[in-house]
Protein backbone atom coordinates (compact mmCIF):
# COMPACT_ATOMS: atom_id res chain seq x y z
CA MET A 1 6.38 17.13 44.80
CA SER A 2 9.97 17.18 46.14
CA GLU A 3 12.87 18.21 43.92
CA THR A 4 14.28 14.66 44.02
CA SER A 5 10.95 13.05 43.03
CA ALA A 6 10.47 15.50 40.18
CA ARG A 7 14.01 14.82 38.94
CA LEU A 8 13.41 11.04 39.06
CA LEU A 9 10.27 11.44 36.95
CA ASN A 10 12.15 13.58 34.42
CA LEU A 11 14.97 11.04 34.33
CA LEU A 12 12.49 8.21 33.78
CA SER A 13 10.84 10.15 30.97
CA LEU A 14 14.19 10.56 29.19
CA LEU A 15 15.11 6.90 29.64
CA GLN A 16 11.83 5.82 28.05
CA THR A 17 12.99 7.06 24.65
CA PRO A 18 14.57 4.25 22.54
CA ARG A 19 18.23 5.25 22.85
CA GLU A 20 21.18 5.14 25.26
CA TRP A 21 21.90 8.25 27.27
CA PRO A 22 25.48 9.00 28.28
CA GLY A 23 25.71 10.01 31.93
CA PRO A 24 27.15 13.49 31.21
CA GLU A 25 24.32 14.23 28.77
CA LEU A 26 21.68 13.23 31.33
CA ALA A 27 23.43 15.35 33.94
CA GLU A 28 23.41 18.36 31.61
CA ARG A 29 19.74 17.85 30.73
CA LEU A 30 18.69 17.68 34.39
CA GLY A 31 21.14 20.27 35.71
CA VAL A 32 22.92 17.94 38.17
CA THR A 33 26.22 16.13 38.44
CA SER A 34 27.05 12.73 36.96
CA ARG A 35 27.31 11.39 40.50
CA THR A 36 23.70 12.46 41.16
CA ILE A 37 22.63 10.67 37.97
CA ARG A 38 24.27 7.46 39.20
CA ARG A 39 22.42 7.74 42.53
CA ASP A 40 19.10 8.44 40.77
CA VAL A 41 19.60 5.43 38.51
CA GLU A 42 20.07 3.25 41.59
CA ARG A 43 16.84 4.67 43.06
CA LEU A 44 14.96 3.74 39.88
CA ARG A 45 16.40 0.23 40.06
CA ASP A 46 15.27 -0.07 43.67
CA LEU A 47 11.75 0.87 42.47
CA GLY A 48 11.83 -1.98 39.95
CA TYR A 49 12.81 -0.14 36.78
CA PRO A 50 15.35 -2.23 34.77
CA VAL A 51 17.89 0.49 33.94
CA HIS A 52 20.85 -1.06 32.11
CA ALA A 53 24.26 0.57 31.86
CA THR A 54 26.93 -0.07 29.22
CA MET A 55 30.56 0.94 29.41
CA GLY A 56 32.69 2.58 26.75
CA ALA A 57 32.75 5.71 24.61
CA VAL A 58 29.28 5.03 23.15
CA GLY A 59 27.83 3.51 26.31
CA GLY A 60 25.30 4.95 28.67
CA TYR A 61 21.98 4.24 30.36
CA ARG A 62 18.83 2.81 28.82
CA LEU A 63 15.56 1.41 30.11
CA ALA A 64 15.29 -2.27 29.19
CA ALA A 65 12.32 -4.59 29.11
CA GLY A 66 11.42 -6.05 32.50
CA THR A 67 8.90 -8.55 33.82
CA ALA A 68 6.15 -5.92 33.67
CA MET A 69 5.67 -2.70 31.73
CA PRO A 70 6.46 0.33 33.90
CA PRO A 71 4.18 3.38 33.93
CA LEU A 72 4.67 5.60 30.88
CA LEU A 73 5.25 9.32 31.24
CA LEU A 74 3.64 11.24 28.41
CA ASP A 75 3.37 14.95 27.75
CA ASP A 76 0.06 16.44 26.56
CA GLU A 77 0.80 16.16 22.84
CA GLU A 78 2.03 12.56 23.14
CA ALA A 79 -1.08 11.51 25.06
CA VAL A 80 -3.41 13.08 22.48
CA ALA A 81 -1.45 11.55 19.60
CA ILE A 82 -1.65 8.05 21.12
CA ALA A 83 -5.36 8.35 21.86
CA VAL A 84 -6.17 9.52 18.33
CA GLY A 85 -3.96 6.78 16.88
CA LEU A 86 -5.72 4.10 18.93
CA ARG A 87 -9.13 5.37 17.77
CA SER A 88 -8.12 4.98 14.13
CA ALA A 89 -6.26 1.68 14.56
CA ALA A 90 -9.47 -0.37 14.42
CA GLY A 91 -9.83 0.51 10.75
CA HIS A 92 -6.17 0.06 9.78
CA THR A 93 -4.45 -2.79 7.99
CA ILE A 94 -2.68 -4.23 11.04
CA ALA A 95 -3.97 -7.72 11.72
CA GLY A 96 -5.62 -8.44 15.07
CA ILE A 97 -5.02 -5.03 16.58
CA GLU A 98 -8.61 -3.77 16.75
CA GLU A 99 -9.60 -5.30 20.13
CA ALA A 100 -6.24 -4.46 21.74
CA SER A 101 -6.61 -0.86 20.53
CA VAL A 102 -10.02 -0.55 22.19
CA ARG A 103 -8.69 -1.89 25.51
CA ALA A 104 -5.67 0.41 25.46
CA LEU A 105 -7.82 3.41 24.55
CA ALA A 106 -10.20 2.71 27.44
CA LYS A 107 -7.28 2.66 29.89
CA LEU A 108 -5.77 5.83 28.48
CA GLU A 109 -8.99 7.84 28.42
CA GLN A 110 -9.70 6.87 32.03
CA VAL A 111 -6.62 8.74 33.24
CA LEU A 112 -6.58 11.62 30.75
CA PRO A 113 -7.04 15.06 32.31
CA ALA A 114 -10.35 16.68 31.40
CA ARG A 115 -8.71 19.19 29.05
CA LEU A 116 -7.06 16.41 27.04
CA ARG A 117 -10.17 14.21 27.09
CA ARG A 118 -12.11 17.06 25.45
CA ARG A 119 -9.46 17.43 22.74
CA VAL A 120 -9.50 13.71 21.97
CA GLY A 121 -13.31 13.65 21.98
CA THR A 122 -13.49 16.60 19.60
CA LEU A 123 -11.08 14.98 17.16
CA GLY A 124 -12.93 11.67 17.37
CA THR A 125 -16.28 13.33 16.66
CA ALA A 126 -14.96 15.31 13.70
CA THR A 127 -13.17 12.45 11.93
CA VAL A 128 -14.40 9.18 10.46
CA PRO A 129 -11.80 6.51 9.55
CA MET A 130 -12.33 4.72 6.25
CA PRO A 131 -12.48 0.94 6.79
CA ALA A 132 -9.50 -0.90 5.36
CA GLY A 133 -11.68 -3.47 3.60
CA ASP A 134 -10.19 -6.58 2.06
CA GLY A 135 -6.48 -6.56 1.41
CA PRO A 136 -3.10 -7.48 2.85
CA THR A 137 -2.68 -7.10 6.60
CA VAL A 138 0.47 -6.66 8.67
CA ASP A 139 1.41 -8.54 11.84
CA PRO A 140 1.78 -5.91 14.61
CA GLU A 141 4.63 -7.94 16.15
CA HIS A 142 6.54 -7.58 12.89
CA LEU A 143 6.07 -3.82 12.98
CA THR A 144 7.35 -3.74 16.56
CA VAL A 145 10.50 -5.71 15.66
CA LEU A 146 11.17 -3.51 12.62
CA ALA A 147 10.61 -0.26 14.51
CA ALA A 148 12.94 -1.32 17.34
CA ALA A 149 15.68 -2.30 14.89
CA ILE A 150 15.33 1.07 13.15
CA ALA A 151 15.55 2.98 16.43
CA ASN A 152 18.61 1.01 17.60
CA HIS A 153 20.37 0.97 14.19
CA GLU A 154 20.53 -2.84 14.28
CA ARG A 155 20.92 -5.14 11.31
CA LEU A 156 17.81 -7.19 10.63
CA ARG A 157 17.21 -10.63 9.15
CA PHE A 158 13.91 -11.84 7.69
CA ALA A 159 12.40 -14.12 5.07
CA TYR A 160 10.84 -12.38 2.08
CA ARG A 161 8.39 -13.39 -0.64
CA ALA A 162 8.60 -11.32 -3.82
CA GLY A 163 5.55 -10.41 -5.90
CA ALA A 164 6.23 -13.29 -8.31
CA GLY A 165 6.39 -15.76 -5.40
CA GLU A 166 10.19 -16.09 -5.19
CA ARG A 167 11.38 -16.56 -1.60
CA SER A 168 14.69 -15.37 -0.16
CA LYS A 169 16.50 -14.57 3.08
CA ARG A 170 17.50 -10.93 3.60
CA LEU A 171 20.08 -9.19 5.78
CA VAL A 172 19.42 -5.44 5.88
CA GLU A 173 20.10 -2.22 7.73
CA PRO A 174 16.57 -0.87 8.31
CA HIS A 175 16.06 2.84 7.80
CA ARG A 176 12.33 3.73 8.05
CA LEU A 177 8.81 2.31 7.91
CA VAL A 178 6.49 4.03 5.43
CA ALA A 179 2.70 3.69 5.47
CA ALA A 180 1.47 4.32 1.92
CA GLY A 181 -2.23 3.87 1.21
CA ARG A 182 -3.25 0.50 2.66
CA ARG A 183 0.27 -0.97 2.71
CA TRP A 184 3.38 -0.72 4.87
CA TYR A 185 6.87 -0.58 3.36
CA LEU A 186 10.29 -1.05 4.94
CA VAL A 187 13.05 1.10 3.48
CA ALA A 188 16.38 -0.58 4.14
CA TYR A 189 19.92 -1.04 2.84
CA ASP A 190 20.29 -4.63 1.59
CA ASN A 191 23.73 -5.84 2.70
CA ASP A 192 23.88 -8.80 0.28
CA ARG A 193 22.90 -6.70 -2.75
CA GLU A 194 24.83 -3.63 -1.56
CA ASP A 195 21.98 -1.30 -2.48
CA TRP A 196 18.83 0.32 -1.09
CA ARG A 197 15.58 -1.62 -1.32
CA ILE A 198 11.92 -1.29 -0.32
CA PHE A 199 10.07 -4.31 1.10
CA ARG A 200 6.33 -4.89 1.50
CA VAL A 201 5.93 -5.61 5.21
CA ASP A 202 3.01 -7.99 4.61
CA ARG A 203 5.36 -10.15 2.49
CA LEU A 204 8.12 -10.58 5.09
CA SER A 205 8.21 -13.13 7.90
CA GLU A 206 10.44 -14.25 10.78
CA PRO A 207 12.03 -10.83 11.35
CA PHE A 208 14.64 -10.62 14.10
CA ALA A 209 17.29 -8.10 15.06
CA THR A 210 20.83 -9.49 14.95
CA GLY A 211 22.17 -7.23 17.70
CA VAL A 212 24.85 -5.88 15.32
CA ARG A 213 24.74 -2.10 15.33
CA THR A 214 25.75 -0.03 12.33
CA PRO A 215 26.19 3.70 11.74
CA PRO A 216 23.24 5.31 9.93
CA ARG A 217 23.51 5.42 6.13
CA GLU A 218 22.46 8.39 4.04
CA LEU A 219 19.33 7.61 2.03
CA PRO A 220 19.58 8.63 -1.67
CA ALA A 221 16.39 10.71 -1.43
CA ALA A 222 14.97 13.66 0.49
CA ASP A 223 13.20 11.30 2.89
CA ALA A 224 11.88 7.74 3.09
CA GLY A 225 8.43 8.70 1.84
CA ALA A 226 9.88 10.39 -1.24
CA TYR A 227 12.10 7.36 -1.87
CA VAL A 228 9.16 4.93 -1.80
CA ARG A 229 7.12 7.20 -4.07
CA GLU A 230 9.96 7.54 -6.60
CA ARG A 231 10.66 3.80 -6.66
CA MET A 232 7.01 2.90 -7.08
CA GLN A 233 6.63 5.38 -9.91
CA GLY A 234 9.79 4.03 -11.52
CA MET A 235 8.46 0.45 -11.45
CA ALA A 236 5.21 1.41 -13.23
CA PRO A 237 5.24 2.07 -17.00
CA ALA A 238 5.08 5.83 -17.53
CA HIS A 239 3.19 7.48 -20.38
CA ARG A 240 2.85 11.04 -21.60
CA ALA A 241 -0.49 12.18 -22.99
CA VAL A 242 -1.56 14.97 -25.31
CA ALA A 243 -5.25 15.87 -25.33
CA THR A 244 -7.49 18.76 -26.31
CA VAL A 245 -9.84 19.68 -23.47
CA TYR A 246 -12.92 21.76 -24.28
CA ALA A 247 -12.88 24.09 -21.28
CA PRO A 248 -10.95 27.27 -20.33
CA ALA A 249 -7.27 26.66 -19.56
CA GLY A 250 -7.42 28.08 -16.04
CA GLU A 251 -10.37 25.89 -15.14
CA VAL A 252 -8.65 22.78 -16.52
CA THR A 253 -5.42 23.53 -14.62
CA ALA A 254 -7.38 23.82 -11.37
CA ARG A 255 -9.30 20.59 -12.00
CA LEU A 256 -6.08 18.72 -12.80
CA GLY A 257 -4.64 19.77 -9.46
CA GLY A 258 -2.16 22.41 -10.60
CA PRO A 259 0.92 22.62 -12.86
CA ALA A 260 2.41 19.41 -11.44
CA ALA A 261 -0.05 17.41 -13.56
CA GLY A 262 1.46 18.78 -16.79
CA GLU A 263 1.36 21.78 -19.10
CA VAL A 264 -1.96 23.36 -20.12
CA VAL A 265 -1.77 25.63 -23.21
CA PRO A 266 -4.79 27.82 -24.11
CA LEU A 267 -6.12 27.35 -27.65
CA ASP A 268 -9.00 29.82 -27.35
CA GLU A 269 -11.37 31.02 -24.64
CA GLY A 270 -13.15 27.67 -24.41
CA SER A 271 -10.46 25.05 -25.09
CA CYS A 272 -6.85 24.16 -24.34
CA ARG A 273 -4.17 21.56 -25.07
CA TRP A 274 -2.96 19.38 -22.18
CA HIS A 275 0.55 17.88 -22.25
CA SER A 276 0.58 15.55 -19.25
CA ALA A 277 3.39 14.73 -16.86
CA PRO A 278 4.60 11.09 -17.07
CA ASP A 279 2.12 8.77 -15.37
CA SER A 280 0.40 5.40 -15.68
CA LEU A 281 -2.44 4.86 -18.15
CA GLU A 282 -4.85 4.34 -15.25
CA TRP A 283 -4.09 7.72 -13.66
CA LEU A 284 -4.11 9.57 -16.99
CA ALA A 285 -7.50 8.08 -17.83
CA MET A 286 -8.90 8.96 -14.39
CA ARG A 287 -7.65 12.55 -14.63
CA LEU A 288 -9.37 13.02 -17.98
CA ALA A 289 -12.57 11.21 -17.01
CA LEU A 290 -12.94 13.26 -13.84
CA LEU A 291 -12.54 16.63 -15.60
CA GLY A 292 -16.28 16.69 -16.24
CA CYS A 293 -15.95 18.17 -19.75
CA PRO A 294 -15.42 16.85 -23.30
CA PHE A 295 -11.91 16.06 -24.51
CA THR A 296 -10.08 14.44 -27.42
CA VAL A 297 -6.98 12.30 -26.89
CA HIS A 298 -4.27 12.72 -29.53
CA GLU A 299 -1.65 10.41 -28.02
CA PRO A 300 -0.73 7.82 -26.93
CA ALA A 301 -2.89 5.26 -28.72
CA GLU A 302 -2.80 3.06 -25.60
CA LEU A 303 -4.62 5.75 -23.61
CA SER A 304 -7.36 6.01 -26.24
CA ALA A 305 -7.84 2.23 -26.15
CA PHE A 306 -7.86 2.22 -22.34
CA LEU A 307 -10.48 4.99 -22.16
CA ARG A 308 -12.63 3.28 -24.79
CA ALA A 309 -12.59 0.00 -22.86
CA MET A 310 -13.28 1.82 -19.59
CA GLY A 311 -16.21 3.65 -21.14
CA GLU A 312 -17.70 0.43 -22.46
CA ARG A 313 -17.45 -1.21 -19.06
CA VAL A 314 -19.11 1.75 -17.37
CA SER A 315 -21.88 1.88 -19.98
CA ARG A 316 -22.64 -1.81 -19.63
CA SER A 317 -22.78 -1.45 -15.84
CA VAL A 318 -25.18 1.48 -15.73
CA ASP A 319 -27.35 0.11 -18.57
CA GLY A 320 -27.97 -3.05 -16.56
CA ASP A 321 -25.74 -5.37 -18.62
CA GLY A 322 -23.24 -7.59 -16.84
CA PRO A 323 -20.09 -9.18 -18.31
CA ASP A 324 -20.36 -10.15 -22.01
CA GLY A 325 -23.85 -8.68 -22.23
CA ALA A 326 -25.29 -10.76 -19.39
CA PRO A 327 -28.04 -9.03 -17.39
CA GLY A 328 -26.63 -7.14 -14.42
CA ASP A 329 -27.97 -5.50 -11.31
CA GLY A 330 -27.82 -1.91 -12.52
CA SER A 331 -30.93 0.01 -13.38
CA ALA A 332 -29.68 3.52 -14.17
CA ALA A 333 -28.94 4.67 -17.68
CA GLY A 334 -25.83 6.67 -18.48
CA GLY A 335 -23.23 7.47 -21.07
CA ASN A 336 -19.53 7.20 -21.63
CA PRO A 337 -17.64 9.12 -18.89
CA ALA A 338 -15.31 10.44 -21.58
CA ASP A 339 -18.08 12.12 -23.55
CA GLY A 340 -16.49 14.03 -26.33
CA GLY A 341 -14.64 10.88 -27.33
CA ALA A 342 -11.18 9.45 -27.12
CA ALA A 343 -10.03 9.55 -30.70
């Protein structure tokens, strides 16, 4: 490959990232003059690539959308990442993307070098995606609009439906998309409310970028994922629990997942006192039920009531009784998962 052809491919690879490249920066990256960059841009235009140029201190070159998608230039890690992502997309919560993912994967694997095809095949064989099941789905076009607005630092408008059904129009500065469990969240600065907000992507509609660019704002958290986690925990009622667990302290600490779950104080060789970290009743009950050993809850009373009701539901299910004592489908016999009692 000639030096000029190789440079054009490198230039095209840079322009395919979602940003504007000042001419001097491109020249420095490729080790040529700004005049050479201008000539190479004209060559790409002659080949049909829609390279747009903007003037001014913050202007530069960027690859715009044309009448057809140009060939993508991917390095090895990018190609593997896309192939693995397409394999798992069929089981994700993005509506209508399964068939398109299969078609795109077939095209990509056809041109992958043998070494990369083996890597993708190995990963595909070793992993099994869990089906999304029933639940909210996200329009892939919405994700595309949101992602582009984030990359370009553009203000975004959309209609939003809150959990209680209230509808509103929002003007925001989008920061990041966060995939948490089976849901997608948009972290953004709400211009009308002058504060940071998180939005369920499956509840927004009619998103469009306004074209107004804004400087990036500093998120009041370590990262977007931490911000979503903190806000979600803050919206759920938090409880602290105190329970005696009849197992060695070291074993209980390991089963709880480490010190982050709370403080474990030894009482004797075979029992300990657990002072939990703040959490929801559901999670506290699950932590205790999954310990696999007897325990006694001292506080709060709400946790004792929750565990008692959970134990009764489980007992009815495994004893073959349905709701309100009606016959069910179960046939196995079993006991309360919190054996040892929740007093």
